[in-house]
ModelCIF file with pLDDT and N, C-alpha, C, O atoms, coordinates in Angstrom:
data_MODEL
#
_entry.id   MODEL 
#
_entity.id                         1 
_entity.type                       polymer 
_entity.pdbx_number_of_molecules   1 
#
_entity_poly.entity_id                      1 
_entity_poly.type                           'polypeptide(L)' 
_entity_poly.nstd_linkage                   no 
_entity_poly.nstd_monomer                   no 
_entity_poly.pdbx_seq_one_letter_code       EGVFRIHLRRPEWDLEKTRLFLRQFSVEVL 
_entity_poly.pdbx_seq_one_letter_code_can   EGVFRIHLRRPEWDLEKTRLFLRQFSVEVL 
_entity_poly.pdbx_strand_id                 A 
#
loop_
_entity_poly_seq.entity_id 
_entity_poly_seq.num 
_entity_poly_seq.mon_id 
_entity_poly_seq.hetero 
1 1  GLU n 
1 2  GLY n 
1 3  VAL n 
1 4  PHE n 
1 5  ARG n 
1 6  ILE n 
1 7  HIS n 
1 8  LEU n 
1 9  ARG n 
1 10 ARG n 
1 11 PRO n 
1 12 GLU n 
1 13 TRP n 
1 14 ASP n 
1 15 LEU n 
1 16 GLU n 
1 17 LYS n 
1 18 THR n 
1 19 ARG n 
1 20 LEU n 
1 21 PHE n 
1 22 LEU n 
1 23 ARG n 
1 24 GLN n 
1 25 PHE n 
1 26 SER n 
1 27 VAL n 
1 28 GLU n 
1 29 VAL n 
1 30 LEU n 
#
_struct_asym.id          A 
_struct_asym.entity_id   1 
#
loop_
_ma_qa_metric.id 
_ma_qa_metric.mode 
_ma_qa_metric.name 
_ma_qa_metric.software_group_id 
_ma_qa_metric.type 
1 global pLDDT . pLDDT 
2 local  pLDDT . pLDDT 
#
_ma_qa_metric_global.metric_id      1 
_ma_qa_metric_global.metric_value   96.10 
_ma_qa_metric_global.model_id       1 
_ma_qa_metric_global.ordinal_id     1 
#
loop_
_ma_qa_metric_local.label_asym_id 
_ma_qa_metric_local.label_comp_id 
_ma_qa_metric_local.label_seq_id 
_ma_qa_metric_local.metric_id 
_ma_qa_metric_local.metric_value 
_ma_qa_metric_local.model_id 
_ma_qa_metric_local.ordinal_id 
A GLU 1  2 90.00 1 1  
A GLY 2  2 88.00 1 2  
A VAL 3  2 94.00 1 3  
A PHE 4  2 96.00 1 4  
A ARG 5  2 97.00 1 5  
A ILE 6  2 97.00 1 6  
A HIS 7  2 98.00 1 7  
A LEU 8  2 98.00 1 8  
A ARG 9  2 96.00 1 9  
A ARG 10 2 95.00 1 10 
A PRO 11 2 93.00 1 11 
A GLU 12 2 94.00 1 12 
A TRP 13 2 96.00 1 13 
A ASP 14 2 96.00 1 14 
A LEU 15 2 96.00 1 15 
A GLU 16 2 97.00 1 16 
A LYS 17 2 97.00 1 17 
A THR 18 2 97.00 1 18 
A ARG 19 2 97.00 1 19 
A LEU 20 2 97.00 1 20 
A PHE 21 2 97.00 1 21 
A LEU 22 2 98.00 1 22 
A ARG 23 2 97.00 1 23 
A GLN 24 2 97.00 1 24 
A PHE 25 2 98.00 1 25 
A SER 26 2 97.00 1 26 
A VAL 27 2 97.00 1 27 
A GLU 28 2 97.00 1 28 
A VAL 29 2 98.00 1 29 
A LEU 30 2 98.00 1 30 
#
loop_
_atom_site.group_PDB 
_atom_site.id 
_atom_site.type_symbol 
_atom_site.label_atom_id 
_atom_site.label_alt_id 
_atom_site.label_comp_id 
_atom_site.label_asym_id 
_atom_site.label_entity_id 
_atom_site.label_seq_id 
_atom_site.pdbx_PDB_ins_code 
_atom_site.Cartn_x 
_atom_site.Cartn_y 
_atom_site.Cartn_z 
_atom_site.occupancy 
_atom_site.B_iso_or_equiv 
_atom_site.pdbx_formal_charge 
_atom_site.auth_seq_id 
_atom_site.auth_comp_id 
_atom_site.auth_asym_id 
_atom_site.auth_atom_id 
_atom_site.pdbx_PDB_model_num 
ATOM 1   N N  . GLU A 1 1  ? 10.382  18.669 8.958  1.00 90.00 ? 1  GLU A N  1 
ATOM 2   C CA . GLU A 1 1  ? 10.663  19.551 9.404  1.00 90.00 ? 1  GLU A CA 1 
ATOM 3   C C  . GLU A 1 1  ? 11.360  19.198 11.136 1.00 90.00 ? 1  GLU A C  1 
ATOM 4   O O  . GLU A 1 1  ? 12.097  19.965 11.755 1.00 90.00 ? 1  GLU A O  1 
ATOM 5   N N  . GLY A 1 2  ? 11.022  18.269 11.466 1.00 88.00 ? 2  GLY A N  1 
ATOM 6   C CA . GLY A 1 2  ? 11.822  17.878 12.957 1.00 88.00 ? 2  GLY A CA 1 
ATOM 7   C C  . GLY A 1 2  ? 11.021  18.056 13.905 1.00 88.00 ? 2  GLY A C  1 
ATOM 8   O O  . GLY A 1 2  ? 11.465  18.012 15.053 1.00 88.00 ? 2  GLY A O  1 
ATOM 9   N N  . VAL A 1 3  ? 9.591   18.313 13.665 1.00 94.00 ? 3  VAL A N  1 
ATOM 10  C CA . VAL A 1 3  ? 8.505   18.197 14.864 1.00 94.00 ? 3  VAL A CA 1 
ATOM 11  C C  . VAL A 1 3  ? 9.053   17.090 15.634 1.00 94.00 ? 3  VAL A C  1 
ATOM 12  O O  . VAL A 1 3  ? 9.538   16.150 15.005 1.00 94.00 ? 3  VAL A O  1 
ATOM 13  N N  . PHE A 1 4  ? 9.045   17.065 16.991 1.00 96.00 ? 4  PHE A N  1 
ATOM 14  C CA . PHE A 1 4  ? 9.124   15.844 17.912 1.00 96.00 ? 4  PHE A CA 1 
ATOM 15  C C  . PHE A 1 4  ? 8.238   14.470 17.911 1.00 96.00 ? 4  PHE A C  1 
ATOM 16  O O  . PHE A 1 4  ? 8.549   13.284 17.800 1.00 96.00 ? 4  PHE A O  1 
ATOM 17  N N  . ARG A 1 5  ? 7.248   15.018 18.048 1.00 97.00 ? 5  ARG A N  1 
ATOM 18  C CA . ARG A 1 5  ? 5.754   14.333 17.791 1.00 97.00 ? 5  ARG A CA 1 
ATOM 19  C C  . ARG A 1 5  ? 4.884   14.502 17.191 1.00 97.00 ? 5  ARG A C  1 
ATOM 20  O O  . ARG A 1 5  ? 4.665   15.641 16.780 1.00 97.00 ? 5  ARG A O  1 
ATOM 21  N N  . ILE A 1 6  ? 3.923   13.326 16.852 1.00 97.00 ? 6  ILE A N  1 
ATOM 22  C CA . ILE A 1 6  ? 2.701   14.160 16.281 1.00 97.00 ? 6  ILE A CA 1 
ATOM 23  C C  . ILE A 1 6  ? 1.653   13.251 16.526 1.00 97.00 ? 6  ILE A C  1 
ATOM 24  O O  . ILE A 1 6  ? 1.570   12.203 15.885 1.00 97.00 ? 6  ILE A O  1 
ATOM 25  N N  . HIS A 1 7  ? 0.676   13.634 17.586 1.00 98.00 ? 7  HIS A N  1 
ATOM 26  C CA . HIS A 1 7  ? -0.608  13.008 18.279 1.00 98.00 ? 7  HIS A CA 1 
ATOM 27  C C  . HIS A 1 7  ? -1.596  13.161 17.773 1.00 98.00 ? 7  HIS A C  1 
ATOM 28  O O  . HIS A 1 7  ? -2.114  14.277 17.734 1.00 98.00 ? 7  HIS A O  1 
ATOM 29  N N  . LEU A 1 8  ? -2.163  12.070 17.222 1.00 98.00 ? 8  LEU A N  1 
ATOM 30  C CA . LEU A 1 8  ? -3.355  11.821 16.371 1.00 98.00 ? 8  LEU A CA 1 
ATOM 31  C C  . LEU A 1 8  ? -4.106  11.861 17.441 1.00 98.00 ? 8  LEU A C  1 
ATOM 32  O O  . LEU A 1 8  ? -3.892  11.166 18.435 1.00 98.00 ? 8  LEU A O  1 
ATOM 33  N N  . ARG A 1 9  ? -4.960  12.603 17.335 1.00 96.00 ? 9  ARG A N  1 
ATOM 34  C CA . ARG A 1 9  ? -6.225  12.644 18.529 1.00 96.00 ? 9  ARG A CA 1 
ATOM 35  C C  . ARG A 1 9  ? -7.679  12.920 17.660 1.00 96.00 ? 9  ARG A C  1 
ATOM 36  O O  . ARG A 1 9  ? -8.073  13.987 17.188 1.00 96.00 ? 9  ARG A O  1 
ATOM 37  N N  . ARG A 1 10 ? -8.325  11.585 17.619 1.00 95.00 ? 10 ARG A N  1 
ATOM 38  C CA . ARG A 1 10 ? -9.516  11.516 16.806 1.00 95.00 ? 10 ARG A CA 1 
ATOM 39  C C  . ARG A 1 10 ? -10.708 10.710 17.607 1.00 95.00 ? 10 ARG A C  1 
ATOM 40  O O  . ARG A 1 10 ? -10.874 9.576  17.157 1.00 95.00 ? 10 ARG A O  1 
ATOM 41  N N  . PRO A 1 11 ? -11.384 10.988 18.466 1.00 93.00 ? 11 PRO A N  1 
ATOM 42  C CA . PRO A 1 11 ? -11.862 10.464 19.644 1.00 93.00 ? 11 PRO A CA 1 
ATOM 43  C C  . PRO A 1 11 ? -13.323 9.753  19.121 1.00 93.00 ? 11 PRO A C  1 
ATOM 44  O O  . PRO A 1 11 ? -13.945 8.839  19.663 1.00 93.00 ? 11 PRO A O  1 
ATOM 45  N N  . GLU A 1 12 ? -13.691 10.601 17.709 1.00 94.00 ? 12 GLU A N  1 
ATOM 46  C CA . GLU A 1 12 ? -15.087 10.030 17.008 1.00 94.00 ? 12 GLU A CA 1 
ATOM 47  C C  . GLU A 1 12 ? -14.655 9.063  15.708 1.00 94.00 ? 12 GLU A C  1 
ATOM 48  O O  . GLU A 1 12 ? -15.369 8.727  14.763 1.00 94.00 ? 12 GLU A O  1 
ATOM 49  N N  . TRP A 1 13 ? -13.293 8.737  15.962 1.00 96.00 ? 13 TRP A N  1 
ATOM 50  C CA . TRP A 1 13 ? -13.129 8.002  14.671 1.00 96.00 ? 13 TRP A CA 1 
ATOM 51  C C  . TRP A 1 13 ? -13.302 6.357  14.848 1.00 96.00 ? 13 TRP A C  1 
ATOM 52  O O  . TRP A 1 13 ? -13.382 6.208  16.067 1.00 96.00 ? 13 TRP A O  1 
ATOM 53  N N  . ASP A 1 14 ? -13.365 5.493  14.430 1.00 96.00 ? 14 ASP A N  1 
ATOM 54  C CA . ASP A 1 14 ? -13.466 3.995  14.733 1.00 96.00 ? 14 ASP A CA 1 
ATOM 55  C C  . ASP A 1 14 ? -11.914 3.431  14.253 1.00 96.00 ? 14 ASP A C  1 
ATOM 56  O O  . ASP A 1 14 ? -11.001 4.046  13.702 1.00 96.00 ? 14 ASP A O  1 
ATOM 57  N N  . LEU A 1 15 ? -12.000 2.075  14.675 1.00 96.00 ? 15 LEU A N  1 
ATOM 58  C CA . LEU A 1 15 ? -10.425 1.552  14.550 1.00 96.00 ? 15 LEU A CA 1 
ATOM 59  C C  . LEU A 1 15 ? -10.144 1.983  12.751 1.00 96.00 ? 15 LEU A C  1 
ATOM 60  O O  . LEU A 1 15 ? -9.386  2.832  12.282 1.00 96.00 ? 15 LEU A O  1 
ATOM 61  N N  . GLU A 1 16 ? -11.116 0.990  12.027 1.00 97.00 ? 16 GLU A N  1 
ATOM 62  C CA . GLU A 1 16 ? -10.650 1.108  10.392 1.00 97.00 ? 16 GLU A CA 1 
ATOM 63  C C  . GLU A 1 16 ? -10.582 2.710  9.915  1.00 97.00 ? 16 GLU A C  1 
ATOM 64  O O  . GLU A 1 16 ? -9.736  3.051  9.089  1.00 97.00 ? 16 GLU A O  1 
ATOM 65  N N  . LYS A 1 17 ? -11.347 3.493  10.379 1.00 97.00 ? 17 LYS A N  1 
ATOM 66  C CA . LYS A 1 17 ? -10.713 5.021  9.808  1.00 97.00 ? 17 LYS A CA 1 
ATOM 67  C C  . LYS A 1 17 ? -9.954  5.705  10.048 1.00 97.00 ? 17 LYS A C  1 
ATOM 68  O O  . LYS A 1 17 ? -9.516  6.544  9.260  1.00 97.00 ? 17 LYS A O  1 
ATOM 69  N N  . THR A 1 18 ? -9.471  5.496  11.549 1.00 97.00 ? 18 THR A N  1 
ATOM 70  C CA . THR A 1 18 ? -8.090  5.580  11.954 1.00 97.00 ? 18 THR A CA 1 
ATOM 71  C C  . THR A 1 18 ? -6.647  4.683  11.379 1.00 97.00 ? 18 THR A C  1 
ATOM 72  O O  . THR A 1 18 ? -5.471  5.045  11.340 1.00 97.00 ? 18 THR A O  1 
ATOM 73  N N  . ARG A 1 19 ? -7.360  3.253  10.929 1.00 97.00 ? 19 ARG A N  1 
ATOM 74  C CA . ARG A 1 19 ? -6.152  2.956  10.235 1.00 97.00 ? 19 ARG A CA 1 
ATOM 75  C C  . ARG A 1 19 ? -5.954  2.883  8.582  1.00 97.00 ? 19 ARG A C  1 
ATOM 76  O O  . ARG A 1 19 ? -4.953  2.439  8.022  1.00 97.00 ? 19 ARG A O  1 
ATOM 77  N N  . LEU A 1 20 ? -7.093  3.400  7.957  1.00 97.00 ? 20 LEU A N  1 
ATOM 78  C CA . LEU A 1 20 ? -7.016  3.931  6.878  1.00 97.00 ? 20 LEU A CA 1 
ATOM 79  C C  . LEU A 1 20 ? -5.909  5.355  6.585  1.00 97.00 ? 20 LEU A C  1 
ATOM 80  O O  . LEU A 1 20 ? -5.079  5.615  5.713  1.00 97.00 ? 20 LEU A O  1 
ATOM 81  N N  . PHE A 1 21 ? -6.440  6.096  7.874  1.00 97.00 ? 21 PHE A N  1 
ATOM 82  C CA . PHE A 1 21 ? -6.040  7.389  7.582  1.00 97.00 ? 21 PHE A CA 1 
ATOM 83  C C  . PHE A 1 21 ? -4.240  7.446  7.616  1.00 97.00 ? 21 PHE A C  1 
ATOM 84  O O  . PHE A 1 21 ? -3.428  8.139  7.002  1.00 97.00 ? 21 PHE A O  1 
ATOM 85  N N  . LEU A 1 22 ? -4.100  6.352  8.652  1.00 98.00 ? 22 LEU A N  1 
ATOM 86  C CA . LEU A 1 22 ? -2.682  6.288  9.004  1.00 98.00 ? 22 LEU A CA 1 
ATOM 87  C C  . LEU A 1 22 ? -1.810  5.298  7.876  1.00 98.00 ? 22 LEU A C  1 
ATOM 88  O O  . LEU A 1 22 ? -0.584  5.275  7.979  1.00 98.00 ? 22 LEU A O  1 
ATOM 89  N N  . ARG A 1 23 ? -2.455  4.526  6.856  1.00 97.00 ? 23 ARG A N  1 
ATOM 90  C CA . ARG A 1 23 ? -1.776  4.024  5.887  1.00 97.00 ? 23 ARG A CA 1 
ATOM 91  C C  . ARG A 1 23 ? -1.428  4.689  4.806  1.00 97.00 ? 23 ARG A C  1 
ATOM 92  O O  . ARG A 1 23 ? -1.056  3.974  3.876  1.00 97.00 ? 23 ARG A O  1 
ATOM 93  N N  . GLN A 1 24 ? -1.427  5.803  4.629  1.00 97.00 ? 24 GLN A N  1 
ATOM 94  C CA . GLN A 1 24 ? -1.131  6.764  3.925  1.00 97.00 ? 24 GLN A CA 1 
ATOM 95  C C  . GLN A 1 24 ? 0.162   7.513  3.656  1.00 97.00 ? 24 GLN A C  1 
ATOM 96  O O  . GLN A 1 24 ? 0.687   8.098  2.710  1.00 97.00 ? 24 GLN A O  1 
ATOM 97  N N  . PHE A 1 25 ? 0.533   7.118  5.395  1.00 98.00 ? 25 PHE A N  1 
ATOM 98  C CA . PHE A 1 25 ? 2.028   7.924  5.734  1.00 98.00 ? 25 PHE A CA 1 
ATOM 99  C C  . PHE A 1 25 ? 3.252   6.830  5.540  1.00 98.00 ? 25 PHE A C  1 
ATOM 100 O O  . PHE A 1 25 ? 3.158   5.691  5.997  1.00 98.00 ? 25 PHE A O  1 
ATOM 101 N N  . SER A 1 26 ? 4.221   7.220  4.934  1.00 97.00 ? 26 SER A N  1 
ATOM 102 C CA . SER A 1 26 ? 5.435   6.283  5.204  1.00 97.00 ? 26 SER A CA 1 
ATOM 103 C C  . SER A 1 26 ? 5.969   6.183  6.186  1.00 97.00 ? 26 SER A C  1 
ATOM 104 O O  . SER A 1 26 ? 5.745   6.910  7.155  1.00 97.00 ? 26 SER A O  1 
ATOM 105 N N  . VAL A 1 27 ? 6.911   5.128  6.152  1.00 97.00 ? 27 VAL A N  1 
ATOM 106 C CA . VAL A 1 27 ? 7.350   4.433  7.710  1.00 97.00 ? 27 VAL A CA 1 
ATOM 107 C C  . VAL A 1 27 ? 7.684   5.502  8.655  1.00 97.00 ? 27 VAL A C  1 
ATOM 108 O O  . VAL A 1 27 ? 7.277   5.655  9.807  1.00 97.00 ? 27 VAL A O  1 
ATOM 109 N N  . GLU A 1 28 ? 8.967   6.629  7.569  1.00 97.00 ? 28 GLU A N  1 
ATOM 110 C CA . GLU A 1 28 ? 9.491   7.649  8.256  1.00 97.00 ? 28 GLU A CA 1 
ATOM 111 C C  . GLU A 1 28 ? 8.214   8.465  9.237  1.00 97.00 ? 28 GLU A C  1 
ATOM 112 O O  . GLU A 1 28 ? 8.178   8.420  10.467 1.00 97.00 ? 28 GLU A O  1 
ATOM 113 N N  . VAL A 1 29 ? 7.367   9.085  8.490  1.00 98.00 ? 29 VAL A N  1 
ATOM 114 C CA . VAL A 1 29 ? 6.003   9.824  9.245  1.00 98.00 ? 29 VAL A CA 1 
ATOM 115 C C  . VAL A 1 29 ? 5.741   8.891  10.297 1.00 98.00 ? 29 VAL A C  1 
ATOM 116 O O  . VAL A 1 29 ? 6.053   9.201  11.447 1.00 98.00 ? 29 VAL A O  1 
ATOM 117 N N  . LEU A 1 30 ? 5.194   7.759  10.045 1.00 98.00 ? 30 LEU A N  1 
ATOM 118 C CA . LEU A 1 30 ? 4.463   6.816  10.855 1.00 98.00 ? 30 LEU A CA 1 
ATOM 119 C C  . LEU A 1 30 ? 5.777   6.836  12.666 1.00 98.00 ? 30 LEU A C  1 
ATOM 120 O O  . LEU A 1 30 ? 5.499   6.135  13.639 1.00 98.00 ? 30 LEU A O  1 
#
């Protein structure tokens, strides 16, 4: 829909959980 940015703020997540969450998205979303 054209939102400028999406800030992922997950202070409790470790590196691997963050990585797995991000890998589900297309290059356009990333």
